[in-house]
ModelCIF file with pLDDT and N, C-alpha, C, O atoms, coordinates in Angstrom:
data_MODEL
#
_entry.id   MODEL 
#
_entity.id                         1 
_entity.type                       polymer 
_entity.pdbx_number_of_molecules   1 
#
_entity_poly.entity_id                      1 
_entity_poly.type                           'polypeptide(L)' 
_entity_poly.nstd_linkage                   no 
_entity_poly.nstd_monomer                   no 
_entity_poly.pdbx_seq_one_letter_code       GFWLLASIGITAVLATGAVIIFASDDQITYDNFGAAVGVPIAILLPM 
_entity_poly.pdbx_seq_one_letter_code_can   GFWLLASIGITAVLATGAVIIFASDDQITYDNFGAAVGVPIAILLPM 
_entity_poly.pdbx_strand_id                 A 
#
loop_
_entity_poly_seq.entity_id 
_entity_poly_seq.num 
_entity_poly_seq.mon_id 
_entity_poly_seq.hetero 
1 1  GLY n 
1 2  PHE n 
1 3  TRP n 
1 4  LEU n 
1 5  LEU n 
1 6  ALA n 
1 7  SER n 
1 8  ILE n 
1 9  GLY n 
1 10 ILE n 
1 11 THR n 
1 12 ALA n 
1 13 VAL n 
1 14 LEU n 
1 15 ALA n 
1 16 THR n 
1 17 GLY n 
1 18 ALA n 
1 19 VAL n 
1 20 ILE n 
1 21 ILE n 
1 22 PHE n 
1 23 ALA n 
1 24 SER n 
1 25 ASP n 
1 26 ASP n 
1 27 GLN n 
1 28 ILE n 
1 29 THR n 
1 30 TYR n 
1 31 ASP n 
1 32 ASN n 
1 33 PHE n 
1 34 GLY n 
1 35 ALA n 
1 36 ALA n 
1 37 VAL n 
1 38 GLY n 
1 39 VAL n 
1 40 PRO n 
1 41 ILE n 
1 42 ALA n 
1 43 ILE n 
1 44 LEU n 
1 45 LEU n 
1 46 PRO n 
1 47 MET n 
#
_struct_asym.id          A 
_struct_asym.entity_id   1 
#
loop_
_ma_qa_metric.id 
_ma_qa_metric.mode 
_ma_qa_metric.name 
_ma_qa_metric.software_group_id 
_ma_qa_metric.type 
1 global pLDDT . pLDDT 
2 local  pLDDT . pLDDT 
#
_ma_qa_metric_global.metric_id      1 
_ma_qa_metric_global.metric_value   84.17 
_ma_qa_metric_global.model_id       1 
_ma_qa_metric_global.ordinal_id     1 
#
loop_
_ma_qa_metric_local.label_asym_id 
_ma_qa_metric_local.label_comp_id 
_ma_qa_metric_local.label_seq_id 
_ma_qa_metric_local.metric_id 
_ma_qa_metric_local.metric_value 
_ma_qa_metric_local.model_id 
_ma_qa_metric_local.ordinal_id 
A GLY 1  2 76.00 1 1  
A PHE 2  2 82.00 1 2  
A TRP 3  2 83.00 1 3  
A LEU 4  2 82.00 1 4  
A LEU 5  2 81.00 1 5  
A ALA 6  2 84.00 1 6  
A SER 7  2 86.00 1 7  
A ILE 8  2 83.00 1 8  
A GLY 9  2 82.00 1 9  
A ILE 10 2 87.00 1 10 
A THR 11 2 87.00 1 11 
A ALA 12 2 85.00 1 12 
A VAL 13 2 86.00 1 13 
A LEU 14 2 89.00 1 14 
A ALA 15 2 87.00 1 15 
A THR 16 2 86.00 1 16 
A GLY 17 2 87.00 1 17 
A ALA 18 2 87.00 1 18 
A VAL 19 2 86.00 1 19 
A ILE 20 2 86.00 1 20 
A ILE 21 2 87.00 1 21 
A PHE 22 2 86.00 1 22 
A ALA 23 2 81.00 1 23 
A SER 24 2 81.00 1 24 
A ASP 25 2 78.00 1 25 
A ASP 26 2 79.00 1 26 
A GLN 27 2 81.00 1 27 
A ILE 28 2 86.00 1 28 
A THR 29 2 85.00 1 29 
A TYR 30 2 85.00 1 30 
A ASP 31 2 83.00 1 31 
A ASN 32 2 84.00 1 32 
A PHE 33 2 83.00 1 33 
A GLY 34 2 81.00 1 34 
A ALA 35 2 82.00 1 35 
A ALA 36 2 84.00 1 36 
A VAL 37 2 83.00 1 37 
A GLY 38 2 81.00 1 38 
A VAL 39 2 81.00 1 39 
A PRO 40 2 84.00 1 40 
A ILE 41 2 85.00 1 41 
A ALA 42 2 84.00 1 42 
A ILE 43 2 86.00 1 43 
A LEU 44 2 87.00 1 44 
A LEU 45 2 88.00 1 45 
A PRO 46 2 90.00 1 46 
A MET 47 2 89.00 1 47 
#
loop_
_atom_site.group_PDB 
_atom_site.id 
_atom_site.type_symbol 
_atom_site.label_atom_id 
_atom_site.label_alt_id 
_atom_site.label_comp_id 
_atom_site.label_asym_id 
_atom_site.label_entity_id 
_atom_site.label_seq_id 
_atom_site.pdbx_PDB_ins_code 
_atom_site.Cartn_x 
_atom_site.Cartn_y 
_atom_site.Cartn_z 
_atom_site.occupancy 
_atom_site.B_iso_or_equiv 
_atom_site.pdbx_formal_charge 
_atom_site.auth_seq_id 
_atom_site.auth_comp_id 
_atom_site.auth_asym_id 
_atom_site.auth_atom_id 
_atom_site.pdbx_PDB_model_num 
ATOM 1   N N  . GLY A 1 1  ? 0.810  -1.214 0.000   1.00 76.00 ? 1  GLY A N  1 
ATOM 2   C CA . GLY A 1 1  ? 0.000  0.000  0.000   1.00 76.00 ? 1  GLY A CA 1 
ATOM 3   C C  . GLY A 1 1  ? 0.839  1.257  0.000   1.00 76.00 ? 1  GLY A C  1 
ATOM 4   O O  . GLY A 1 1  ? 0.539  2.217  -0.710  1.00 76.00 ? 1  GLY A O  1 
ATOM 5   N N  . PHE A 1 2  ? 1.901  1.250  0.805   1.00 82.00 ? 2  PHE A N  1 
ATOM 6   C CA . PHE A 1 2  ? 2.765  2.434  0.874   1.00 82.00 ? 2  PHE A CA 1 
ATOM 7   C C  . PHE A 1 2  ? 3.416  2.714  -0.470  1.00 82.00 ? 2  PHE A C  1 
ATOM 8   O O  . PHE A 1 2  ? 3.384  3.848  -0.948  1.00 82.00 ? 2  PHE A O  1 
ATOM 9   N N  . TRP A 1 3  ? 4.009  1.689  -1.089  1.00 83.00 ? 3  TRP A N  1 
ATOM 10  C CA . TRP A 1 3  ? 4.728  1.916  -2.339  1.00 83.00 ? 3  TRP A CA 1 
ATOM 11  C C  . TRP A 1 3  ? 3.777  2.172  -3.503  1.00 83.00 ? 3  TRP A C  1 
ATOM 12  O O  . TRP A 1 3  ? 4.146  2.825  -4.479  1.00 83.00 ? 3  TRP A O  1 
ATOM 13  N N  . LEU A 1 4  ? 2.552  1.658  -3.401  1.00 82.00 ? 4  LEU A N  1 
ATOM 14  C CA . LEU A 1 4  ? 1.583  1.960  -4.448  1.00 82.00 ? 4  LEU A CA 1 
ATOM 15  C C  . LEU A 1 4  ? 1.207  3.439  -4.407  1.00 82.00 ? 4  LEU A C  1 
ATOM 16  O O  . LEU A 1 4  ? 1.085  4.083  -5.449  1.00 82.00 ? 4  LEU A O  1 
ATOM 17  N N  . LEU A 1 5  ? 1.024  3.972  -3.199  1.00 81.00 ? 5  LEU A N  1 
ATOM 18  C CA . LEU A 1 5  ? 0.737  5.396  -3.074  1.00 81.00 ? 5  LEU A CA 1 
ATOM 19  C C  . LEU A 1 5  ? 1.954  6.235  -3.439  1.00 81.00 ? 5  LEU A C  1 
ATOM 20  O O  . LEU A 1 5  ? 1.831  7.263  -4.105  1.00 81.00 ? 5  LEU A O  1 
ATOM 21  N N  . ALA A 1 6  ? 3.143  5.788  -2.994  1.00 84.00 ? 6  ALA A N  1 
ATOM 22  C CA . ALA A 1 6  ? 4.353  6.533  -3.316  1.00 84.00 ? 6  ALA A CA 1 
ATOM 23  C C  . ALA A 1 6  ? 4.624  6.535  -4.812  1.00 84.00 ? 6  ALA A C  1 
ATOM 24  O O  . ALA A 1 6  ? 5.199  7.484  -5.345  1.00 84.00 ? 6  ALA A O  1 
ATOM 25  N N  . SER A 1 7  ? 4.208  5.469  -5.488  1.00 86.00 ? 7  SER A N  1 
ATOM 26  C CA . SER A 1 7  ? 4.464  5.384  -6.926  1.00 86.00 ? 7  SER A CA 1 
ATOM 27  C C  . SER A 1 7  ? 3.720  6.459  -7.704  1.00 86.00 ? 7  SER A C  1 
ATOM 28  O O  . SER A 1 7  ? 4.117  6.795  -8.820  1.00 86.00 ? 7  SER A O  1 
ATOM 29  N N  . ILE A 1 8  ? 2.647  7.005  -7.138  1.00 83.00 ? 8  ILE A N  1 
ATOM 30  C CA . ILE A 1 8  ? 1.935  8.081  -7.822  1.00 83.00 ? 8  ILE A CA 1 
ATOM 31  C C  . ILE A 1 8  ? 2.842  9.293  -7.972  1.00 83.00 ? 8  ILE A C  1 
ATOM 32  O O  . ILE A 1 8  ? 2.971  9.856  -9.059  1.00 83.00 ? 8  ILE A O  1 
ATOM 33  N N  . GLY A 1 9  ? 3.471  9.689  -6.864  1.00 82.00 ? 9  GLY A N  1 
ATOM 34  C CA . GLY A 1 9  ? 4.406  10.813 -6.939  1.00 82.00 ? 9  GLY A CA 1 
ATOM 35  C C  . GLY A 1 9  ? 5.630  10.495 -7.770  1.00 82.00 ? 9  GLY A C  1 
ATOM 36  O O  . GLY A 1 9  ? 6.120  11.347 -8.511  1.00 82.00 ? 9  GLY A O  1 
ATOM 37  N N  . ILE A 1 10 ? 6.136  9.254  -7.651  1.00 87.00 ? 10 ILE A N  1 
ATOM 38  C CA . ILE A 1 10 ? 7.340  8.864  -8.392  1.00 87.00 ? 10 ILE A CA 1 
ATOM 39  C C  . ILE A 1 10 ? 7.078  8.882  -9.895  1.00 87.00 ? 10 ILE A C  1 
ATOM 40  O O  . ILE A 1 10 ? 7.868  9.436  -10.660 1.00 87.00 ? 10 ILE A O  1 
ATOM 41  N N  . THR A 1 11 ? 5.965  8.273  -10.319 1.00 87.00 ? 11 THR A N  1 
ATOM 42  C CA . THR A 1 11 ? 5.660  8.244  -11.762 1.00 87.00 ? 11 THR A CA 1 
ATOM 43  C C  . THR A 1 11 ? 5.355  9.638  -12.294 1.00 87.00 ? 11 THR A C  1 
ATOM 44  O O  . THR A 1 11 ? 5.657  9.943  -13.448 1.00 87.00 ? 11 THR A O  1 
ATOM 45  N N  . ALA A 1 12 ? 4.752  10.490 -11.454 1.00 85.00 ? 12 ALA A N  1 
ATOM 46  C CA . ALA A 1 12 ? 4.484  11.868 -11.898 1.00 85.00 ? 12 ALA A CA 1 
ATOM 47  C C  . ALA A 1 12 ? 5.785  12.605 -12.176 1.00 85.00 ? 12 ALA A C  1 
ATOM 48  O O  . ALA A 1 12 ? 5.896  13.331 -13.164 1.00 85.00 ? 12 ALA A O  1 
ATOM 49  N N  . VAL A 1 13 ? 6.770  12.417 -11.303 1.00 86.00 ? 13 VAL A N  1 
ATOM 50  C CA . VAL A 1 13 ? 8.075  13.062 -11.497 1.00 86.00 ? 13 VAL A CA 1 
ATOM 51  C C  . VAL A 1 13 ? 8.772  12.493 -12.731 1.00 86.00 ? 13 VAL A C  1 
ATOM 52  O O  . VAL A 1 13 ? 9.340  13.242 -13.525 1.00 86.00 ? 13 VAL A O  1 
ATOM 53  N N  . LEU A 1 14 ? 8.730  11.157 -12.894 1.00 89.00 ? 14 LEU A N  1 
ATOM 54  C CA . LEU A 1 14 ? 9.388  10.530 -14.045 1.00 89.00 ? 14 LEU A CA 1 
ATOM 55  C C  . LEU A 1 14 ? 8.730  10.963 -15.355 1.00 89.00 ? 14 LEU A C  1 
ATOM 56  O O  . LEU A 1 14 ? 9.424  11.252 -16.329 1.00 89.00 ? 14 LEU A O  1 
ATOM 57  N N  . ALA A 1 15 ? 7.399  11.009 -15.385 1.00 87.00 ? 15 ALA A N  1 
ATOM 58  C CA . ALA A 1 15 ? 6.702  11.426 -16.605 1.00 87.00 ? 15 ALA A CA 1 
ATOM 59  C C  . ALA A 1 15 ? 7.014  12.877 -16.944 1.00 87.00 ? 15 ALA A C  1 
ATOM 60  O O  . ALA A 1 15 ? 7.196  13.224 -18.111 1.00 87.00 ? 15 ALA A O  1 
ATOM 61  N N  . THR A 1 16 ? 7.073  13.723 -15.920 1.00 86.00 ? 16 THR A N  1 
ATOM 62  C CA . THR A 1 16 ? 7.419  15.128 -16.148 1.00 86.00 ? 16 THR A CA 1 
ATOM 63  C C  . THR A 1 16 ? 8.836  15.265 -16.689 1.00 86.00 ? 16 THR A C  1 
ATOM 64  O O  . THR A 1 16 ? 9.083  16.040 -17.613 1.00 86.00 ? 16 THR A O  1 
ATOM 65  N N  . GLY A 1 17 ? 9.766  14.510 -16.111 1.00 87.00 ? 17 GLY A N  1 
ATOM 66  C CA . GLY A 1 17 ? 11.137 14.538 -16.605 1.00 87.00 ? 17 GLY A CA 1 
ATOM 67  C C  . GLY A 1 17 ? 11.245 14.041 -18.035 1.00 87.00 ? 17 GLY A C  1 
ATOM 68  O O  . GLY A 1 17 ? 12.030 14.570 -18.821 1.00 87.00 ? 17 GLY A O  1 
ATOM 69  N N  . ALA A 1 18 ? 10.450 13.015 -18.380 1.00 87.00 ? 18 ALA A N  1 
ATOM 70  C CA . ALA A 1 18 ? 10.492 12.486 -19.745 1.00 87.00 ? 18 ALA A CA 1 
ATOM 71  C C  . ALA A 1 18 ? 10.026 13.527 -20.754 1.00 87.00 ? 18 ALA A C  1 
ATOM 72  O O  . ALA A 1 18 ? 10.593 13.630 -21.842 1.00 87.00 ? 18 ALA A O  1 
ATOM 73  N N  . VAL A 1 19 ? 8.998  14.302 -20.405 1.00 86.00 ? 19 VAL A N  1 
ATOM 74  C CA . VAL A 1 19 ? 8.522  15.347 -21.315 1.00 86.00 ? 19 VAL A CA 1 
ATOM 75  C C  . VAL A 1 19 ? 9.602  16.411 -21.505 1.00 86.00 ? 19 VAL A C  1 
ATOM 76  O O  . VAL A 1 19 ? 9.834  16.873 -22.622 1.00 86.00 ? 19 VAL A O  1 
ATOM 77  N N  . ILE A 1 20 ? 10.257 16.795 -20.416 1.00 86.00 ? 20 ILE A N  1 
ATOM 78  C CA . ILE A 1 20 ? 11.302 17.819 -20.512 1.00 86.00 ? 20 ILE A CA 1 
ATOM 79  C C  . ILE A 1 20 ? 12.464 17.347 -21.373 1.00 86.00 ? 20 ILE A C  1 
ATOM 80  O O  . ILE A 1 20 ? 13.028 18.118 -22.149 1.00 86.00 ? 20 ILE A O  1 
ATOM 81  N N  . ILE A 1 21 ? 12.816 16.074 -21.230 1.00 87.00 ? 21 ILE A N  1 
ATOM 82  C CA . ILE A 1 21 ? 13.995 15.554 -21.929 1.00 87.00 ? 21 ILE A CA 1 
ATOM 83  C C  . ILE A 1 21 ? 13.700 15.269 -23.397 1.00 87.00 ? 21 ILE A C  1 
ATOM 84  O O  . ILE A 1 21 ? 14.493 15.619 -24.271 1.00 87.00 ? 21 ILE A O  1 
ATOM 85  N N  . PHE A 1 22 ? 12.569 14.638 -23.667 1.00 86.00 ? 22 PHE A N  1 
ATOM 86  C CA . PHE A 1 22 ? 12.331 14.111 -25.014 1.00 86.00 ? 22 PHE A CA 1 
ATOM 87  C C  . PHE A 1 22 ? 11.419 14.977 -25.881 1.00 86.00 ? 22 PHE A C  1 
ATOM 88  O O  . PHE A 1 22 ? 11.460 14.857 -27.106 1.00 86.00 ? 22 PHE A O  1 
ATOM 89  N N  . ALA A 1 23 ? 10.615 15.830 -25.297 1.00 81.00 ? 23 ALA A N  1 
ATOM 90  C CA . ALA A 1 23 ? 9.690  16.635 -26.106 1.00 81.00 ? 23 ALA A CA 1 
ATOM 91  C C  . ALA A 1 23 ? 10.422 17.796 -26.759 1.00 81.00 ? 23 ALA A C  1 
ATOM 92  O O  . ALA A 1 23 ? 11.381 18.338 -26.210 1.00 81.00 ? 23 ALA A O  1 
ATOM 93  N N  . SER A 1 24 ? 9.952  18.164 -27.936 1.00 81.00 ? 24 SER A N  1 
ATOM 94  C CA . SER A 1 24 ? 10.526 19.333 -28.608 1.00 81.00 ? 24 SER A CA 1 
ATOM 95  C C  . SER A 1 24 ? 10.074 20.611 -27.904 1.00 81.00 ? 24 SER A C  1 
ATOM 96  O O  . SER A 1 24 ? 9.161  20.586 -27.079 1.00 81.00 ? 24 SER A O  1 
ATOM 97  N N  . ASP A 1 25 ? 10.715 21.712 -28.234 1.00 78.00 ? 25 ASP A N  1 
ATOM 98  C CA . ASP A 1 25 ? 10.437 22.976 -27.538 1.00 78.00 ? 25 ASP A CA 1 
ATOM 99  C C  . ASP A 1 25 ? 8.975  23.396 -27.663 1.00 78.00 ? 25 ASP A C  1 
ATOM 100 O O  . ASP A 1 25 ? 8.390  23.896 -26.703 1.00 78.00 ? 25 ASP A O  1 
ATOM 101 N N  . ASP A 1 26 ? 8.378  23.194 -28.847 1.00 79.00 ? 26 ASP A N  1 
ATOM 102 C CA . ASP A 1 26 ? 6.994  23.625 -29.029 1.00 79.00 ? 26 ASP A CA 1 
ATOM 103 C C  . ASP A 1 26 ? 5.995  22.704 -28.344 1.00 79.00 ? 26 ASP A C  1 
ATOM 104 O O  . ASP A 1 26 ? 4.807  23.021 -28.277 1.00 79.00 ? 26 ASP A O  1 
ATOM 105 N N  . GLN A 1 27 ? 6.465  21.560 -27.832 1.00 81.00 ? 27 GLN A N  1 
ATOM 106 C CA . GLN A 1 27 ? 5.591  20.638 -27.118 1.00 81.00 ? 27 GLN A CA 1 
ATOM 107 C C  . GLN A 1 27 ? 5.692  20.777 -25.605 1.00 81.00 ? 27 GLN A C  1 
ATOM 108 O O  . GLN A 1 27 ? 5.054  20.022 -24.871 1.00 81.00 ? 27 GLN A O  1 
ATOM 109 N N  . ILE A 1 28 ? 6.480  21.726 -25.133 1.00 86.00 ? 28 ILE A N  1 
ATOM 110 C CA . ILE A 1 28 ? 6.575  21.975 -23.693 1.00 86.00 ? 28 ILE A CA 1 
ATOM 111 C C  . ILE A 1 28 ? 5.378  22.830 -23.283 1.00 86.00 ? 28 ILE A C  1 
ATOM 112 O O  . ILE A 1 28 ? 5.479  24.048 -23.132 1.00 86.00 ? 28 ILE A O  1 
ATOM 113 N N  . THR A 1 29 ? 4.242  22.154 -23.107 1.00 85.00 ? 29 THR A N  1 
ATOM 114 C CA . THR A 1 29 ? 3.002  22.818 -22.708 1.00 85.00 ? 29 THR A CA 1 
ATOM 115 C C  . THR A 1 29 ? 2.403  22.068 -21.521 1.00 85.00 ? 29 THR A C  1 
ATOM 116 O O  . THR A 1 29 ? 2.711  20.900 -21.285 1.00 85.00 ? 29 THR A O  1 
ATOM 117 N N  . TYR A 1 30 ? 1.556  22.752 -20.792 1.00 85.00 ? 30 TYR A N  1 
ATOM 118 C CA . TYR A 1 30 ? 0.959  22.127 -19.619 1.00 85.00 ? 30 TYR A CA 1 
ATOM 119 C C  . TYR A 1 30 ? 0.047  20.974 -20.021 1.00 85.00 ? 30 TYR A C  1 
ATOM 120 O O  . TYR A 1 30 ? -0.095 20.010 -19.268 1.00 85.00 ? 30 TYR A O  1 
ATOM 121 N N  . ASP A 1 31 ? -0.567 21.058 -21.183 1.00 83.00 ? 31 ASP A N  1 
ATOM 122 C CA . ASP A 1 31 ? -1.426 19.980 -21.657 1.00 83.00 ? 31 ASP A CA 1 
ATOM 123 C C  . ASP A 1 31 ? -0.636 18.691 -21.820 1.00 83.00 ? 31 ASP A C  1 
ATOM 124 O O  . ASP A 1 31 ? -1.099 17.624 -21.418 1.00 83.00 ? 31 ASP A O  1 
ATOM 125 N N  . ASN A 1 32 ? 0.565  18.783 -22.413 1.00 84.00 ? 32 ASN A N  1 
ATOM 126 C CA . ASN A 1 32 ? 1.393  17.593 -22.605 1.00 84.00 ? 32 ASN A CA 1 
ATOM 127 C C  . ASN A 1 32 ? 1.903  17.048 -21.275 1.00 84.00 ? 32 ASN A C  1 
ATOM 128 O O  . ASN A 1 32 ? 1.987  15.834 -21.090 1.00 84.00 ? 32 ASN A O  1 
ATOM 129 N N  . PHE A 1 33 ? 2.245  17.944 -20.346 1.00 83.00 ? 33 PHE A N  1 
ATOM 130 C CA . PHE A 1 33 ? 2.668  17.480 -19.029 1.00 83.00 ? 33 PHE A CA 1 
ATOM 131 C C  . PHE A 1 33 ? 1.515  16.764 -18.325 1.00 83.00 ? 33 PHE A C  1 
ATOM 132 O O  . PHE A 1 33 ? 1.705  15.716 -17.708 1.00 83.00 ? 33 PHE A O  1 
ATOM 133 N N  . GLY A 1 34 ? 0.318  17.346 -18.425 1.00 81.00 ? 34 GLY A N  1 
ATOM 134 C CA . GLY A 1 34 ? -0.837 16.722 -17.801 1.00 81.00 ? 34 GLY A CA 1 
ATOM 135 C C  . GLY A 1 34 ? -1.159 15.362 -18.395 1.00 81.00 ? 34 GLY A C  1 
ATOM 136 O O  . GLY A 1 34 ? -1.517 14.435 -17.669 1.00 81.00 ? 34 GLY A O  1 
ATOM 137 N N  . ALA A 1 35 ? -1.034 15.234 -19.714 1.00 82.00 ? 35 ALA A N  1 
ATOM 138 C CA . ALA A 1 35 ? -1.301 13.952 -20.365 1.00 82.00 ? 35 ALA A CA 1 
ATOM 139 C C  . ALA A 1 35 ? -0.281 12.904 -19.946 1.00 82.00 ? 35 ALA A C  1 
ATOM 140 O O  . ALA A 1 35 ? -0.634 11.751 -19.700 1.00 82.00 ? 35 ALA A O  1 
ATOM 141 N N  . ALA A 1 36 ? 0.991  13.308 -19.864 1.00 84.00 ? 36 ALA A N  1 
ATOM 142 C CA . ALA A 1 36 ? 2.045  12.362 -19.479 1.00 84.00 ? 36 ALA A CA 1 
ATOM 143 C C  . ALA A 1 36 ? 1.872  11.895 -18.044 1.00 84.00 ? 36 ALA A C  1 
ATOM 144 O O  . ALA A 1 36 ? 2.036  10.712 -17.745 1.00 84.00 ? 36 ALA A O  1 
ATOM 145 N N  . VAL A 1 37 ? 1.540  12.822 -17.159 1.00 83.00 ? 37 VAL A N  1 
ATOM 146 C CA . VAL A 1 37 ? 1.368  12.471 -15.748 1.00 83.00 ? 37 VAL A CA 1 
ATOM 147 C C  . VAL A 1 37 ? 0.074  11.685 -15.539 1.00 83.00 ? 37 VAL A C  1 
ATOM 148 O O  . VAL A 1 37 ? 0.010  10.812 -14.673 1.00 83.00 ? 37 VAL A O  1 
ATOM 149 N N  . GLY A 1 38 ? -0.951 11.990 -16.324 1.00 81.00 ? 38 GLY A N  1 
ATOM 150 C CA . GLY A 1 38 ? -2.253 11.385 -16.106 1.00 81.00 ? 38 GLY A CA 1 
ATOM 151 C C  . GLY A 1 38 ? -2.341 9.918  -16.463 1.00 81.00 ? 38 GLY A C  1 
ATOM 152 O O  . GLY A 1 38 ? -3.149 9.196  -15.879 1.00 81.00 ? 38 GLY A O  1 
ATOM 153 N N  . VAL A 1 39 ? -1.521 9.445  -17.421 1.00 81.00 ? 39 VAL A N  1 
ATOM 154 C CA . VAL A 1 39 ? -1.627 8.049  -17.861 1.00 81.00 ? 39 VAL A CA 1 
ATOM 155 C C  . VAL A 1 39 ? -1.308 7.074  -16.730 1.00 81.00 ? 39 VAL A C  1 
ATOM 156 O O  . VAL A 1 39 ? -2.140 6.214  -16.439 1.00 81.00 ? 39 VAL A O  1 
ATOM 157 N N  . PRO A 1 40 ? -0.142 7.161  -16.073 1.00 84.00 ? 40 PRO A N  1 
ATOM 158 C CA . PRO A 1 40 ? 0.112  6.202  -14.971 1.00 84.00 ? 40 PRO A CA 1 
ATOM 159 C C  . PRO A 1 40 ? -0.843 6.377  -13.803 1.00 84.00 ? 40 PRO A C  1 
ATOM 160 O O  . PRO A 1 40 ? -1.216 5.396  -13.159 1.00 84.00 ? 40 PRO A O  1 
ATOM 161 N N  . ILE A 1 41 ? -1.247 7.611  -13.517 1.00 85.00 ? 41 ILE A N  1 
ATOM 162 C CA . ILE A 1 41 ? -2.148 7.843  -12.384 1.00 85.00 ? 41 ILE A CA 1 
ATOM 163 C C  . ILE A 1 41 ? -3.512 7.224  -12.653 1.00 85.00 ? 41 ILE A C  1 
ATOM 164 O O  . ILE A 1 41 ? -4.133 6.682  -11.740 1.00 85.00 ? 41 ILE A O  1 
ATOM 165 N N  . ALA A 1 42 ? -3.990 7.296  -13.902 1.00 84.00 ? 42 ALA A N  1 
ATOM 166 C CA . ALA A 1 42 ? -5.277 6.701  -14.250 1.00 84.00 ? 42 ALA A CA 1 
ATOM 167 C C  . ALA A 1 42 ? -5.273 5.193  -14.049 1.00 84.00 ? 42 ALA A C  1 
ATOM 168 O O  . ALA A 1 42 ? -6.332 4.593  -13.865 1.00 84.00 ? 42 ALA A O  1 
ATOM 169 N N  . ILE A 1 43 ? -4.094 4.569  -14.081 1.00 86.00 ? 43 ILE A N  1 
ATOM 170 C CA . ILE A 1 43 ? -3.979 3.131  -13.844 1.00 86.00 ? 43 ILE A CA 1 
ATOM 171 C C  . ILE A 1 43 ? -3.802 2.837  -12.360 1.00 86.00 ? 43 ILE A C  1 
ATOM 172 O O  . ILE A 1 43 ? -4.359 1.863  -11.853 1.00 86.00 ? 43 ILE A O  1 
ATOM 173 N N  . LEU A 1 44 ? -3.034 3.664  -11.659 1.00 87.00 ? 44 LEU A N  1 
ATOM 174 C CA . LEU A 1 44 ? -2.708 3.384  -10.264 1.00 87.00 ? 44 LEU A CA 1 
ATOM 175 C C  . LEU A 1 44 ? -3.863 3.666  -9.311  1.00 87.00 ? 44 LEU A C  1 
ATOM 176 O O  . LEU A 1 44 ? -4.075 2.912  -8.361  1.00 87.00 ? 44 LEU A O  1 
ATOM 177 N N  . LEU A 1 45 ? -4.608 4.735  -9.549  1.00 88.00 ? 45 LEU A N  1 
ATOM 178 C CA . LEU A 1 45 ? -5.678 5.099  -8.615  1.00 88.00 ? 45 LEU A CA 1 
ATOM 179 C C  . LEU A 1 45 ? -6.732 3.994  -8.458  1.00 88.00 ? 45 LEU A C  1 
ATOM 180 O O  . LEU A 1 45 ? -7.112 3.696  -7.325  1.00 88.00 ? 45 LEU A O  1 
ATOM 181 N N  . PRO A 1 46 ? -7.222 3.372  -9.540  1.00 90.00 ? 46 PRO A N  1 
ATOM 182 C CA . PRO A 1 46 ? -8.177 2.269  -9.335  1.00 90.00 ? 46 PRO A CA 1 
ATOM 183 C C  . PRO A 1 46 ? -7.581 1.100  -8.569  1.00 90.00 ? 46 PRO A C  1 
ATOM 184 O O  . PRO A 1 46 ? -8.304 0.415  -7.846  1.00 90.00 ? 46 PRO A O  1 
ATOM 185 N N  . MET A 1 47 ? -6.262 0.849  -8.708  1.00 89.00 ? 47 MET A N  1 
ATOM 186 C CA . MET A 1 47 ? -5.638 -0.226 -7.946  1.00 89.00 ? 47 MET A CA 1 
ATOM 187 C C  . MET A 1 47 ? -5.712 0.060  -6.449  1.00 89.00 ? 47 MET A C  1 
ATOM 188 O O  . MET A 1 47 ? -5.235 -0.739 -5.643  1.00 89.00 ? 47 MET A O  1 
#
């Protein structure tokens, strides 16, 4: 339970870092950050 909850913050940080590293300059938008962070969270929260 602890690591499942902690993984929400961990995956959010990793997804944000991935957008910064791999996205082009014109794709650095809040919408793209939200989409990247939202995918793992949408899977983890129901668990």
